[in-house]
N, C-alpha and C. Protein backbone atom coordinates (compact mmCIF):
# COMPACT_ATOMS: atom_id res chain seq x y z
N MET A 1 -228.04 -143.00 186.71
CA MET A 1 -228.29 -142.60 188.49
C MET A 1 -227.49 -143.29 189.30
N LYS A 2 -227.31 -144.55 189.13
CA LYS A 2 -226.25 -145.73 189.79
C LYS A 2 -224.86 -144.97 189.57
N GLY A 3 -224.19 -144.77 188.78
CA GLY A 3 -223.16 -144.15 188.48
C GLY A 3 -222.57 -142.98 188.92
N LEU A 4 -223.71 -142.22 189.33
CA LEU A 4 -223.83 -140.81 190.26
C LEU A 4 -223.62 -141.08 191.61
N GLY A 5 -224.20 -142.45 192.27
CA GLY A 5 -223.79 -142.92 193.31
C GLY A 5 -222.79 -143.17 193.72
N TYR A 6 -222.35 -143.85 192.66
CA TYR A 6 -220.73 -144.28 192.94
C TYR A 6 -219.75 -143.12 193.03
N VAL A 7 -220.28 -142.00 192.01
CA VAL A 7 -219.04 -141.34 192.13
C VAL A 7 -219.26 -140.08 193.38
N GLY A 8 -220.61 -140.23 193.86
CA GLY A 8 -220.92 -139.47 195.15
C GLY A 8 -220.16 -140.31 196.50
N ALA A 9 -220.02 -141.59 196.58
CA ALA A 9 -219.54 -142.43 197.52
C ALA A 9 -218.53 -142.29 197.40
N PHE A 10 -217.53 -142.27 196.18
CA PHE A 10 -215.97 -141.95 195.88
C PHE A 10 -215.49 -140.40 196.72
N LEU A 11 -216.31 -139.33 195.85
CA LEU A 11 -215.92 -138.16 196.44
C LEU A 11 -216.46 -137.63 198.21
N GLY A 12 -217.34 -138.66 198.42
CA GLY A 12 -217.27 -138.29 200.01
C GLY A 12 -216.18 -138.96 200.71
N GLY A 13 -215.93 -140.24 200.03
CA GLY A 13 -214.62 -140.83 200.61
C GLY A 13 -213.52 -140.28 200.77
N ALA A 14 -213.23 -139.78 199.11
CA ALA A 14 -212.15 -138.59 199.01
C ALA A 14 -211.88 -137.53 199.94
N LEU A 15 -213.00 -136.89 200.04
CA LEU A 15 -213.26 -135.84 200.76
C LEU A 15 -212.83 -135.97 202.38
N ALA A 16 -213.42 -137.03 203.18
CA ALA A 16 -212.68 -137.47 204.42
C ALA A 16 -211.29 -137.66 204.40
N GLY A 17 -210.80 -138.42 203.26
CA GLY A 17 -209.32 -138.81 203.56
C GLY A 17 -208.75 -137.72 203.36
N ALA A 18 -209.14 -136.58 202.24
CA ALA A 18 -208.19 -135.46 201.91
C ALA A 18 -208.23 -134.62 203.48
N ALA A 19 -209.37 -134.68 204.29
CA ALA A 19 -209.43 -134.25 205.54
C ALA A 19 -208.45 -134.44 206.28
N ILE A 20 -208.49 -135.81 206.74
CA ILE A 20 -207.45 -136.31 207.74
C ILE A 20 -205.96 -136.19 207.06
N GLY A 21 -205.72 -136.64 205.64
CA GLY A 21 -204.53 -136.58 205.01
C GLY A 21 -203.87 -134.78 205.25
N ILE A 22 -204.70 -134.08 205.00
CA ILE A 22 -204.12 -132.71 205.27
C ILE A 22 -203.97 -132.14 206.71
N LEU A 23 -204.86 -132.74 207.59
CA LEU A 23 -204.27 -132.51 209.21
C LEU A 23 -203.02 -133.27 209.81
N VAL A 24 -202.75 -134.60 208.47
CA VAL A 24 -201.22 -134.80 209.36
C VAL A 24 -200.60 -135.29 208.42
N ALA A 25 -200.55 -134.47 207.21
CA ALA A 25 -199.65 -134.41 206.24
C ALA A 25 -198.23 -133.62 206.52
N PRO A 26 -197.30 -134.24 205.80
CA PRO A 26 -195.85 -133.68 206.27
C PRO A 26 -195.58 -133.08 205.43
N ASP A 27 -196.26 -132.77 203.95
CA ASP A 27 -196.00 -131.72 203.29
C ASP A 27 -196.65 -130.49 203.33
N LYS A 28 -196.32 -129.30 202.52
CA LYS A 28 -197.00 -128.16 202.78
C LYS A 28 -198.33 -128.53 201.86
N GLY A 29 -199.39 -127.76 202.12
CA GLY A 29 -200.73 -127.56 201.68
C GLY A 29 -201.02 -127.64 200.28
N SER A 30 -200.03 -126.79 199.67
CA SER A 30 -199.92 -126.52 198.42
C SER A 30 -199.63 -127.93 197.49
N VAL A 31 -198.89 -128.52 198.21
CA VAL A 31 -198.21 -129.74 197.50
C VAL A 31 -199.26 -131.04 197.92
N THR A 32 -199.75 -131.12 198.91
CA THR A 32 -200.75 -132.09 199.25
C THR A 32 -202.21 -132.03 198.47
N ARG A 33 -202.47 -130.71 197.90
CA ARG A 33 -203.74 -130.23 197.50
C ARG A 33 -203.40 -131.23 196.05
N GLU A 34 -202.11 -130.80 195.43
CA GLU A 34 -201.59 -130.94 194.13
C GLU A 34 -201.98 -132.34 194.31
N LYS A 35 -201.30 -133.35 195.29
CA LYS A 35 -201.73 -134.87 194.93
C LYS A 35 -202.90 -135.18 195.18
N ILE A 36 -203.84 -134.73 195.85
CA ILE A 36 -205.13 -134.81 195.93
C ILE A 36 -206.20 -134.80 194.64
N SER A 37 -205.76 -133.68 193.93
CA SER A 37 -206.19 -133.32 192.78
C SER A 37 -205.74 -134.40 191.87
N ASN A 38 -204.48 -134.53 191.42
CA ASN A 38 -203.84 -135.99 191.08
C ASN A 38 -204.61 -137.20 191.06
N THR A 39 -204.90 -137.62 192.00
CA THR A 39 -205.31 -138.53 192.41
C THR A 39 -206.58 -138.83 191.86
N VAL A 40 -207.75 -137.83 192.26
CA VAL A 40 -209.11 -137.94 191.71
C VAL A 40 -208.99 -137.70 190.30
N ASP A 41 -208.19 -136.87 189.82
CA ASP A 41 -208.01 -136.99 188.17
C ASP A 41 -207.98 -138.06 187.52
N GLU A 42 -206.96 -139.09 188.39
CA GLU A 42 -206.62 -140.47 187.58
C GLU A 42 -207.80 -141.14 187.95
N PHE A 43 -208.20 -141.55 188.93
CA PHE A 43 -209.44 -142.26 189.23
C PHE A 43 -210.66 -142.00 187.96
N LEU A 44 -211.04 -140.60 187.91
CA LEU A 44 -211.95 -140.46 186.85
C LEU A 44 -211.44 -140.68 185.30
N LYS A 45 -210.26 -140.61 185.34
CA LYS A 45 -209.97 -141.22 183.92
C LYS A 45 -209.75 -142.69 183.72
N LYS A 46 -209.49 -143.03 184.63
CA LYS A 46 -209.57 -144.54 184.81
C LYS A 46 -210.63 -145.32 184.99
N HIS A 47 -211.67 -144.52 185.05
CA HIS A 47 -213.22 -145.28 185.28
C HIS A 47 -214.06 -144.52 183.91
N ASN A 48 -213.37 -143.89 183.27
CA ASN A 48 -214.34 -143.02 182.32
C ASN A 48 -215.15 -142.11 182.84
N ILE A 49 -214.80 -141.51 183.59
CA ILE A 49 -216.04 -140.60 184.27
C ILE A 49 -215.84 -139.40 183.70
N LYS A 50 -216.66 -138.43 183.16
CA LYS A 50 -216.77 -137.02 182.95
C LYS A 50 -217.62 -135.99 184.00
N LEU A 51 -217.33 -135.36 184.23
CA LEU A 51 -217.72 -134.50 185.32
C LEU A 51 -217.68 -133.11 184.80
N ASN A 52 -218.71 -131.83 184.84
CA ASN A 52 -218.34 -130.90 184.38
C ASN A 52 -218.13 -129.87 185.66
N ARG A 53 -218.39 -128.64 185.68
CA ARG A 53 -218.49 -128.23 187.02
C ARG A 53 -219.80 -127.75 187.80
N LYS A 54 -221.02 -127.81 186.70
CA LYS A 54 -222.18 -127.88 187.26
C LYS A 54 -222.56 -129.27 187.98
N ASP A 55 -222.22 -130.24 187.45
CA ASP A 55 -222.21 -131.55 187.78
C ASP A 55 -221.29 -131.56 189.05
N VAL A 56 -220.12 -131.16 189.47
CA VAL A 56 -219.52 -131.49 190.56
C VAL A 56 -219.95 -130.28 191.71
N GLY A 57 -220.65 -129.27 191.21
CA GLY A 57 -221.00 -128.08 192.30
C GLY A 57 -222.66 -128.92 192.52
N ASP A 58 -223.14 -129.55 192.01
CA ASP A 58 -224.71 -129.92 192.39
C ASP A 58 -224.28 -131.50 193.57
N LEU A 59 -223.29 -132.09 192.76
CA LEU A 59 -222.83 -133.09 193.87
C LEU A 59 -222.29 -132.55 195.31
N ILE A 60 -221.89 -131.99 195.22
CA ILE A 60 -221.19 -131.18 196.48
C ILE A 60 -222.17 -130.25 197.39
N GLU A 61 -223.02 -129.84 196.61
CA GLU A 61 -224.43 -129.57 197.36
C GLU A 61 -225.25 -130.82 198.04
N ASP A 62 -225.42 -131.83 197.20
CA ASP A 62 -225.75 -133.16 197.43
C ASP A 62 -225.17 -133.79 199.00
N LEU A 63 -224.12 -133.78 198.72
CA LEU A 63 -223.47 -134.38 199.87
C LEU A 63 -223.29 -133.29 201.10
N GLU A 64 -223.16 -132.11 201.27
CA GLU A 64 -223.46 -130.93 202.13
C GLU A 64 -224.72 -131.27 202.61
N ASP A 65 -225.87 -131.26 201.85
CA ASP A 65 -227.15 -131.77 202.22
C ASP A 65 -226.95 -132.74 203.18
N ALA A 66 -226.95 -133.91 202.56
CA ALA A 66 -226.86 -135.27 203.32
C ALA A 66 -225.84 -135.35 204.56
N SER A 67 -225.20 -134.51 204.56
CA SER A 67 -224.35 -134.58 205.80
C SER A 67 -224.60 -133.40 206.96
N GLU A 68 -225.58 -132.84 206.83
CA GLU A 68 -226.41 -132.01 207.82
C GLU A 68 -227.55 -132.90 208.32
């Protein structure tokens, strides 16, 4: 459960950073999204974190609930 907290904190920070980055990015949106996706993939591989679509969906719902 502690590992999920780290992942949640990372993804929350990544979402905030991504939002700011997209607003001020000099690149096209598709290029920026690909960069963000690659960065997240590299982080997950580096820390040996494996998430499936259901885990990511649940995490996003938790983050949305926490932000309300």
